[in-house]
Amino acid sequence: MEKKTLTKSDIIEELARLRGINLKDAERSVNAAFDSMSKALAKGSRIEIRGFGSFQVKDYDQYAGHNPKTGAPIIVAAKRLPFFKPGKELKERVGRKCEELNQTPARKS
């Protein structure tokens, strides 16, 4: 199966096609949605999109690591990163698609 990356441009084009609007209006809509989500996460809010999943910010403590080139020990700073958790419906849709394509999902080792 050929893997394709879905880009922001693809989403804009699909929205324009489905709603019968021009690309500029579709682009403004997609940008507004993404900007709204980014601002909410930056403020520490949780985002829930029913049937799709939820986004939240997770705090990670600093930890001791190693420079991969030199092997020298370094301290990796604490950080806040966005985290996505897929919803039940999305998991089921993806699982069904794998079955339809007669694929087995990749397993972590």
Protein backbone atom coordinates (compact mmCIF):
# COMPACT_ATOMS: atom_id res chain seq x y z
CA MET A 1 0.00 0.00 0.00
CA GLU A 2 1.29 3.44 -0.88
CA LYS A 3 1.52 5.78 2.10
CA LYS A 4 0.54 9.38 1.52
CA THR A 5 1.08 12.36 3.76
CA LEU A 6 -2.00 14.48 4.27
CA THR A 7 -0.91 18.12 4.26
CA LYS A 8 -2.59 21.32 5.34
CA SER A 9 -3.02 22.17 1.65
CA ASP A 10 -4.86 18.87 1.12
CA ILE A 11 -7.25 19.72 3.96
CA ILE A 12 -7.86 23.18 2.49
CA GLU A 13 -8.55 21.75 -0.97
CA GLU A 14 -10.89 19.09 0.41
CA LEU A 15 -12.82 21.67 2.46
CA ALA A 16 -13.18 23.92 -0.60
CA ARG A 17 -14.39 20.99 -2.70
CA LEU A 18 -16.85 19.65 -0.11
CA ARG A 19 -18.35 23.04 0.75
CA GLY A 20 -18.18 24.56 -2.71
CA ILE A 21 -16.17 27.55 -1.53
CA ASN A 22 -13.06 29.16 -2.98
CA LEU A 23 -9.59 28.15 -1.77
CA LYS A 24 -8.97 31.48 0.02
CA ASP A 25 -12.10 31.08 2.18
CA ALA A 26 -11.22 27.46 2.89
CA GLU A 27 -7.68 28.48 3.83
CA ARG A 28 -8.98 31.14 6.22
CA SER A 29 -11.27 28.58 7.86
CA VAL A 30 -8.52 25.99 8.31
CA ASN A 31 -6.09 28.61 9.62
CA ALA A 32 -8.71 29.91 12.07
CA ALA A 33 -9.31 26.39 13.40
CA PHE A 34 -5.58 25.63 13.77
CA ASP A 35 -4.86 29.04 15.34
CA SER A 36 -7.68 28.56 17.82
CA MET A 37 -6.36 25.13 18.76
CA SER A 38 -2.76 26.39 19.09
CA LYS A 39 -3.83 29.27 21.35
CA ALA A 40 -5.90 26.97 23.55
CA LEU A 41 -2.99 24.54 23.99
CA ALA A 42 -0.57 27.40 24.70
CA LYS A 43 -2.90 28.48 27.53
CA GLY A 44 -2.89 24.94 28.90
CA SER A 45 -6.44 24.07 27.80
CA ARG A 46 -7.48 20.61 26.70
CA ILE A 47 -9.12 20.19 23.27
CA GLU A 48 -11.62 17.42 22.67
CA ILE A 49 -12.99 16.62 19.23
CA ARG A 50 -15.64 13.94 19.68
CA GLY A 51 -15.12 10.94 17.44
CA PHE A 52 -11.56 12.01 16.66
CA GLY A 53 -9.51 12.50 19.81
CA SER A 54 -8.16 14.97 22.31
CA PHE A 55 -5.15 17.22 22.56
CA GLN A 56 -3.52 18.38 25.77
CA VAL A 57 -0.23 19.73 26.97
CA LYS A 58 2.04 17.46 28.98
CA ASP A 59 4.84 18.68 31.20
CA TYR A 60 8.12 16.80 31.04
CA ASP A 61 10.74 17.17 33.78
CA GLN A 62 14.36 17.80 32.99
CA TYR A 63 16.51 14.70 32.76
CA ALA A 64 20.10 13.64 32.31
CA GLY A 65 20.96 12.59 28.77
CA HIS A 66 24.02 12.18 26.57
CA ASN A 67 25.20 14.05 23.51
CA PRO A 68 24.88 11.43 20.76
CA LYS A 69 28.00 12.66 18.97
CA THR A 70 30.40 12.95 21.89
CA GLY A 71 28.74 10.83 24.55
CA ALA A 72 29.16 13.73 26.99
CA PRO A 73 26.49 13.94 29.68
CA ILE A 74 24.02 16.81 29.29
CA ILE A 75 20.92 18.02 31.09
CA VAL A 76 17.83 18.12 28.87
CA ALA A 77 15.66 21.03 29.98
CA ALA A 78 12.10 20.61 31.22
CA LYS A 79 9.53 21.23 28.53
CA ARG A 80 5.83 21.37 27.73
CA LEU A 81 4.72 19.50 24.61
CA PRO A 82 1.38 18.84 22.92
CA PHE A 83 0.07 15.30 23.24
CA PHE A 84 -2.66 13.68 21.10
CA LYS A 85 -4.83 10.81 22.29
CA PRO A 86 -7.00 9.23 19.59
CA GLY A 87 -10.67 8.68 20.36
CA LYS A 88 -12.44 5.34 20.30
CA GLU A 89 -14.16 6.02 16.95
CA LEU A 90 -10.89 7.00 15.25
CA LYS A 91 -9.17 3.88 16.58
CA GLU A 92 -12.01 1.72 15.27
CA ARG A 93 -12.02 3.43 11.84
CA VAL A 94 -8.27 2.99 11.44
CA GLY A 95 -8.51 -0.63 12.60
CA ARG A 96 -11.29 -1.39 10.10
CA LYS A 97 -9.29 0.22 7.30
CA CYS A 98 -6.30 -2.01 8.12
CA GLU A 99 -8.56 -5.06 8.00
CA GLU A 100 -10.09 -3.96 4.67
CA LEU A 101 -6.64 -3.63 3.18
CA ASN A 102 -5.72 -7.03 4.65
CA GLN A 103 -2.91 -5.54 6.65
CA THR A 104 -1.74 -6.23 10.11
CA PRO A 105 -0.85 -3.14 12.12
CA ALA A 106 2.84 -2.60 12.82
CA ARG A 107 3.82 -3.71 16.28
CA LYS A 108 6.20 -2.01 18.65
CA SER A 109 9.17 -4.09 19.59
